């Protein structure tokens, strides 16, 4: 079982992936250029999405601990990210007063 932690503030700008059973940090995820405000795991735990004040959403592979995709389009802070139950789509909300629907590639 994995847990994703982030500090919703300014530098250092990274998040951590944790193994809940052992309590150990298993990865330091770097890539956002501003605070992370929202995270969501896929139902199978294969990836996690993070939304940020840098106006992006990142898709992180929990096996390789790397960013597989950066989704751009919002013009302000991304406050929330959710996944559909089947993991096919993500929905994000932003301070730019938009809600966006994203296709998540398998």
N, C-alpha and C. Protein backbone atom coordinates (compact mmCIF):
# COMPACT_ATOMS: atom_id res chain seq x y z
N UNK A 1 0.84 -1.16 0.00
CA UNK A 1 0.00 0.00 0.00
C UNK A 1 0.89 1.23 0.00
N UNK A 2 0.55 2.22 -0.84
CA UNK A 2 1.35 3.43 -0.98
C UNK A 2 0.59 4.65 -0.48
N UNK A 3 1.34 5.66 -0.10
CA UNK A 3 0.80 6.93 0.36
C UNK A 3 1.61 8.02 -0.30
N UNK A 4 0.97 9.09 -0.70
CA UNK A 4 1.61 10.21 -1.38
C UNK A 4 1.53 11.40 -0.45
N UNK A 5 2.64 12.03 -0.15
CA UNK A 5 2.61 13.23 0.70
C UNK A 5 3.17 14.40 -0.07
N UNK A 6 2.67 15.57 0.29
CA UNK A 6 3.15 16.79 -0.33
C UNK A 6 3.07 17.91 0.67
N UNK A 7 3.86 18.92 0.45
CA UNK A 7 3.84 20.10 1.30
C UNK A 7 3.21 21.21 0.48
N UNK A 8 1.96 21.62 0.84
CA UNK A 8 1.28 22.64 0.03
C UNK A 8 1.81 24.04 0.34
N UNK A 9 3.07 24.23 0.12
CA UNK A 9 3.70 25.51 0.37
C UNK A 9 4.80 25.71 -0.66
N UNK A 10 5.68 26.62 -0.39
CA UNK A 10 6.75 26.90 -1.34
C UNK A 10 7.97 26.06 -1.02
N UNK A 11 9.07 26.25 -1.75
CA UNK A 11 10.21 25.34 -1.70
C UNK A 11 10.48 24.77 -0.32
N UNK A 12 10.93 23.52 -0.24
CA UNK A 12 11.29 22.66 -1.36
C UNK A 12 10.07 22.13 -2.09
N UNK A 13 10.16 22.04 -3.40
CA UNK A 13 9.02 21.63 -4.22
C UNK A 13 9.18 20.18 -4.66
N UNK A 14 8.77 19.28 -3.80
CA UNK A 14 8.77 17.87 -4.14
C UNK A 14 7.70 17.19 -3.32
N UNK A 15 7.34 16.01 -3.76
CA UNK A 15 6.39 15.18 -3.03
C UNK A 15 7.09 13.87 -2.73
N UNK A 16 6.51 13.10 -1.84
CA UNK A 16 7.09 11.81 -1.50
C UNK A 16 6.05 10.71 -1.65
N UNK A 17 6.54 9.56 -2.08
CA UNK A 17 5.73 8.35 -2.17
C UNK A 17 6.19 7.46 -1.02
N UNK A 18 5.24 7.00 -0.20
CA UNK A 18 5.55 6.24 1.00
C UNK A 18 4.98 4.84 0.94
N UNK A 19 5.69 3.90 1.52
CA UNK A 19 5.17 2.55 1.74
C UNK A 19 4.51 2.57 3.12
N UNK A 20 3.20 2.43 3.15
CA UNK A 20 2.46 2.54 4.41
C UNK A 20 2.83 1.44 5.38
N UNK A 21 3.06 0.25 4.87
CA UNK A 21 3.37 -0.89 5.76
C UNK A 21 4.69 -0.69 6.51
N UNK A 22 5.72 -0.25 5.79
CA UNK A 22 7.03 -0.09 6.42
C UNK A 22 7.24 1.30 7.01
N UNK A 23 6.48 2.27 6.52
CA UNK A 23 6.67 3.64 6.97
C UNK A 23 7.84 4.34 6.30
N UNK A 24 8.40 3.70 5.27
CA UNK A 24 9.56 4.26 4.58
C UNK A 24 9.17 5.07 3.36
N UNK A 25 9.91 6.14 3.13
CA UNK A 25 9.76 6.89 1.89
C UNK A 25 10.43 6.08 0.79
N UNK A 26 9.71 5.85 -0.31
CA UNK A 26 10.29 5.04 -1.39
C UNK A 26 10.63 5.87 -2.63
N UNK A 27 10.18 7.13 -2.64
CA UNK A 27 10.53 7.97 -3.79
C UNK A 27 10.33 9.44 -3.45
N UNK A 28 11.19 10.26 -4.00
CA UNK A 28 11.04 11.70 -3.95
C UNK A 28 10.66 12.12 -5.37
N UNK A 29 9.46 12.66 -5.52
CA UNK A 29 8.95 13.01 -6.84
C UNK A 29 9.11 14.50 -7.07
N UNK A 30 9.95 14.83 -8.03
CA UNK A 30 10.21 16.24 -8.33
C UNK A 30 9.76 16.56 -9.75
N UNK A 31 9.23 17.77 -9.94
CA UNK A 31 8.80 18.17 -11.27
C UNK A 31 7.94 19.41 -11.27
N UNK A 32 7.04 19.54 -10.29
CA UNK A 32 6.23 20.75 -10.23
C UNK A 32 7.10 21.95 -9.88
N UNK A 33 6.76 23.11 -10.42
CA UNK A 33 7.53 24.31 -10.14
C UNK A 33 6.85 25.19 -9.09
N UNK A 34 5.75 24.72 -8.53
CA UNK A 34 5.06 25.45 -7.47
C UNK A 34 4.33 24.43 -6.59
N UNK A 35 3.63 24.90 -5.60
CA UNK A 35 3.01 24.04 -4.59
C UNK A 35 2.05 23.02 -5.19
N UNK A 36 2.04 21.82 -4.61
CA UNK A 36 1.08 20.77 -4.97
C UNK A 36 -0.12 20.90 -4.05
N UNK A 37 -1.33 20.86 -4.63
CA UNK A 37 -2.54 21.06 -3.84
C UNK A 37 -3.48 19.87 -3.84
N UNK A 38 -3.29 18.94 -4.76
CA UNK A 38 -4.22 17.82 -4.85
C UNK A 38 -3.52 16.60 -5.43
N UNK A 39 -3.87 15.43 -4.90
CA UNK A 39 -3.36 14.17 -5.44
C UNK A 39 -4.46 13.13 -5.45
N UNK A 40 -4.36 12.20 -6.38
CA UNK A 40 -5.31 11.09 -6.45
C UNK A 40 -4.59 9.88 -7.04
N UNK A 41 -4.82 8.71 -6.40
CA UNK A 41 -4.27 7.45 -6.90
C UNK A 41 -5.25 6.79 -7.84
N UNK A 42 -4.75 6.09 -8.85
CA UNK A 42 -5.59 5.23 -9.67
C UNK A 42 -6.07 4.07 -8.80
N UNK A 43 -7.20 3.47 -9.16
CA UNK A 43 -7.77 2.38 -8.37
C UNK A 43 -6.81 1.21 -8.22
N UNK A 44 -5.99 0.96 -9.24
CA UNK A 44 -5.04 -0.16 -9.18
C UNK A 44 -3.69 0.23 -8.57
N UNK A 45 -3.54 1.52 -8.21
CA UNK A 45 -2.30 1.97 -7.60
C UNK A 45 -1.14 2.12 -8.55
N UNK A 46 -1.37 1.96 -9.84
CA UNK A 46 -0.29 2.01 -10.83
C UNK A 46 0.22 3.43 -11.08
N UNK A 47 -0.62 4.42 -10.86
CA UNK A 47 -0.19 5.80 -11.06
C UNK A 47 -0.93 6.72 -10.10
N UNK A 48 -0.37 7.91 -9.94
CA UNK A 48 -0.96 8.95 -9.10
C UNK A 48 -0.88 10.26 -9.88
N UNK A 49 -1.91 11.07 -9.76
CA UNK A 49 -1.94 12.38 -10.39
C UNK A 49 -1.77 13.45 -9.33
N UNK A 50 -1.07 14.52 -9.67
CA UNK A 50 -0.91 15.64 -8.76
C UNK A 50 -1.25 16.93 -9.49
N UNK A 51 -2.02 17.78 -8.82
CA UNK A 51 -2.37 19.10 -9.36
C UNK A 51 -1.62 20.16 -8.59
N UNK A 52 -1.25 21.25 -9.27
CA UNK A 52 -0.34 22.21 -8.66
C UNK A 52 -0.68 23.66 -9.00
N UNK A 53 -0.10 24.55 -8.18
CA UNK A 53 -0.19 25.98 -8.44
C UNK A 53 0.58 26.36 -9.70
N UNK A 54 1.39 25.45 -10.23
CA UNK A 54 2.12 25.75 -11.47
C UNK A 54 1.23 25.55 -12.71
N UNK A 55 -0.08 25.33 -12.47
CA UNK A 55 -1.10 25.24 -13.53
C UNK A 55 -1.07 23.91 -14.27
N UNK A 56 -0.37 22.91 -13.73
CA UNK A 56 -0.26 21.63 -14.42
C UNK A 56 -0.78 20.49 -13.56
N UNK A 57 -1.00 19.37 -14.23
CA UNK A 57 -1.30 18.09 -13.59
C UNK A 57 -0.24 17.13 -14.09
N UNK A 58 0.34 16.40 -13.17
CA UNK A 58 1.36 15.42 -13.54
C UNK A 58 0.86 14.02 -13.24
N UNK A 59 1.20 13.10 -14.15
CA UNK A 59 0.87 11.68 -13.97
C UNK A 59 2.16 10.97 -13.61
N UNK A 60 2.19 10.39 -12.40
CA UNK A 60 3.38 9.71 -11.89
C UNK A 60 3.17 8.21 -11.92
N UNK A 61 4.14 7.49 -12.44
CA UNK A 61 4.13 6.03 -12.45
C UNK A 61 4.65 5.56 -11.10
N UNK A 62 3.85 4.81 -10.34
CA UNK A 62 4.27 4.40 -9.00
C UNK A 62 5.31 3.27 -9.03
N UNK A 63 5.47 2.60 -10.15
CA UNK A 63 6.49 1.55 -10.26
C UNK A 63 7.86 2.13 -10.58
N UNK A 64 7.91 3.02 -11.58
CA UNK A 64 9.19 3.59 -11.98
C UNK A 64 9.52 4.87 -11.22
N UNK A 65 8.53 5.42 -10.51
CA UNK A 65 8.69 6.66 -9.73
C UNK A 65 9.06 7.84 -10.61
N UNK A 66 8.51 7.86 -11.82
CA UNK A 66 8.80 8.93 -12.77
C UNK A 66 7.51 9.58 -13.26
N UNK A 67 7.65 10.82 -13.73
CA UNK A 67 6.52 11.51 -14.33
C UNK A 67 6.36 11.03 -15.76
N UNK A 68 5.20 10.48 -16.07
CA UNK A 68 4.94 9.95 -17.40
C UNK A 68 4.27 10.97 -18.32
N UNK A 69 3.65 11.98 -17.71
CA UNK A 69 2.92 12.94 -18.53
C UNK A 69 2.67 14.21 -17.72
N UNK A 70 2.78 15.35 -18.37
CA UNK A 70 2.41 16.62 -17.78
C UNK A 70 1.28 17.20 -18.61
N UNK A 71 0.15 17.44 -17.95
CA UNK A 71 -1.03 17.96 -18.65
C UNK A 71 -1.14 19.46 -18.39
N UNK A 72 -1.20 20.22 -19.49
CA UNK A 72 -1.28 21.67 -19.40
C UNK A 72 -2.57 22.16 -20.04
N UNK A 73 -3.01 23.32 -19.64
CA UNK A 73 -4.23 23.89 -20.20
C UNK A 73 -4.89 24.87 -19.24
N UNK A 74 -4.74 24.64 -17.94
CA UNK A 74 -5.28 25.59 -16.98
C UNK A 74 -4.43 26.85 -17.00
N UNK A 75 -5.05 27.96 -16.63
CA UNK A 75 -4.36 29.26 -16.62
C UNK A 75 -4.12 29.78 -15.21
N UNK A 76 -4.41 28.92 -14.21
CA UNK A 76 -4.19 29.31 -12.82
C UNK A 76 -4.07 28.03 -11.99
N UNK A 77 -3.93 28.18 -10.70
CA UNK A 77 -3.72 27.10 -9.73
C UNK A 77 -4.72 25.97 -9.95
N UNK A 78 -4.23 24.73 -10.03
CA UNK A 78 -5.08 23.54 -10.10
C UNK A 78 -5.32 23.09 -8.65
N UNK A 79 -6.57 23.22 -8.20
CA UNK A 79 -6.91 22.94 -6.81
C UNK A 79 -7.35 21.50 -6.57
N UNK A 80 -7.96 20.88 -7.57
CA UNK A 80 -8.44 19.52 -7.33
C UNK A 80 -8.31 18.67 -8.59
N UNK A 81 -8.04 17.39 -8.35
CA UNK A 81 -7.94 16.39 -9.42
C UNK A 81 -8.63 15.13 -8.91
N UNK A 82 -9.51 14.57 -9.73
CA UNK A 82 -10.16 13.30 -9.40
C UNK A 82 -10.11 12.40 -10.63
N UNK A 83 -10.23 11.10 -10.40
CA UNK A 83 -10.27 10.12 -11.48
C UNK A 83 -11.64 9.48 -11.54
N UNK A 84 -12.08 9.13 -12.74
CA UNK A 84 -13.29 8.34 -12.86
C UNK A 84 -13.00 6.95 -12.32
N UNK A 85 -14.03 6.22 -11.88
CA UNK A 85 -13.80 4.90 -11.29
C UNK A 85 -13.00 3.94 -12.17
N UNK A 86 -13.15 4.05 -13.49
CA UNK A 86 -12.41 3.16 -14.38
C UNK A 86 -11.01 3.68 -14.70
N UNK A 87 -10.66 4.87 -14.20
CA UNK A 87 -9.33 5.43 -14.41
C UNK A 87 -9.08 5.95 -15.82
N UNK A 88 -10.11 5.98 -16.65
CA UNK A 88 -9.94 6.41 -18.04
C UNK A 88 -9.84 7.93 -18.19
N UNK A 89 -10.44 8.65 -17.23
CA UNK A 89 -10.47 10.11 -17.32
C UNK A 89 -10.13 10.73 -15.98
N UNK A 90 -9.58 11.94 -16.06
CA UNK A 90 -9.36 12.76 -14.88
C UNK A 90 -10.17 14.04 -15.07
N UNK A 91 -10.62 14.59 -13.96
CA UNK A 91 -11.32 15.88 -13.96
C UNK A 91 -10.55 16.79 -13.02
N UNK A 92 -10.28 18.01 -13.47
CA UNK A 92 -9.55 18.96 -12.64
C UNK A 92 -10.30 20.27 -12.55
N UNK A 93 -10.12 20.93 -11.42
CA UNK A 93 -10.71 22.25 -11.20
C UNK A 93 -9.62 23.24 -10.85
N UNK A 94 -9.78 24.47 -11.33
CA UNK A 94 -8.72 25.45 -11.21
C UNK A 94 -9.26 26.81 -10.79
N UNK A 95 -8.37 27.65 -10.27
CA UNK A 95 -8.71 29.04 -9.96
C UNK A 95 -9.02 29.85 -11.21
N UNK A 96 -8.74 29.29 -12.38
CA UNK A 96 -9.08 30.00 -13.62
C UNK A 96 -10.58 29.86 -13.95
N UNK A 97 -11.33 29.25 -13.01
CA UNK A 97 -12.78 29.10 -13.11
C UNK A 97 -13.20 28.11 -14.19
N UNK A 98 -12.32 27.13 -14.46
CA UNK A 98 -12.66 26.09 -15.43
C UNK A 98 -12.55 24.72 -14.77
N UNK A 99 -13.29 23.80 -15.33
CA UNK A 99 -13.19 22.38 -15.01
C UNK A 99 -12.80 21.70 -16.30
N UNK A 100 -11.78 20.88 -16.24
CA UNK A 100 -11.30 20.22 -17.46
C UNK A 100 -11.40 18.71 -17.33
N UNK A 101 -11.69 18.09 -18.45
CA UNK A 101 -11.76 16.63 -18.55
C UNK A 101 -10.56 16.18 -19.36
N UNK A 102 -9.80 15.21 -18.82
CA UNK A 102 -8.58 14.72 -19.45
C UNK A 102 -8.70 13.23 -19.71
N UNK A 103 -8.22 12.80 -20.85
CA UNK A 103 -8.11 11.37 -21.13
C UNK A 103 -6.79 10.87 -20.57
N UNK A 104 -6.85 9.78 -19.82
CA UNK A 104 -5.64 9.19 -19.25
C UNK A 104 -5.25 8.01 -20.12
N UNK A 105 -4.08 8.11 -20.76
CA UNK A 105 -3.61 7.04 -21.63
C UNK A 105 -3.25 5.81 -20.82
N UNK A 106 -3.57 4.65 -21.33
CA UNK A 106 -3.24 3.39 -20.63
C UNK A 106 -1.79 3.05 -20.83
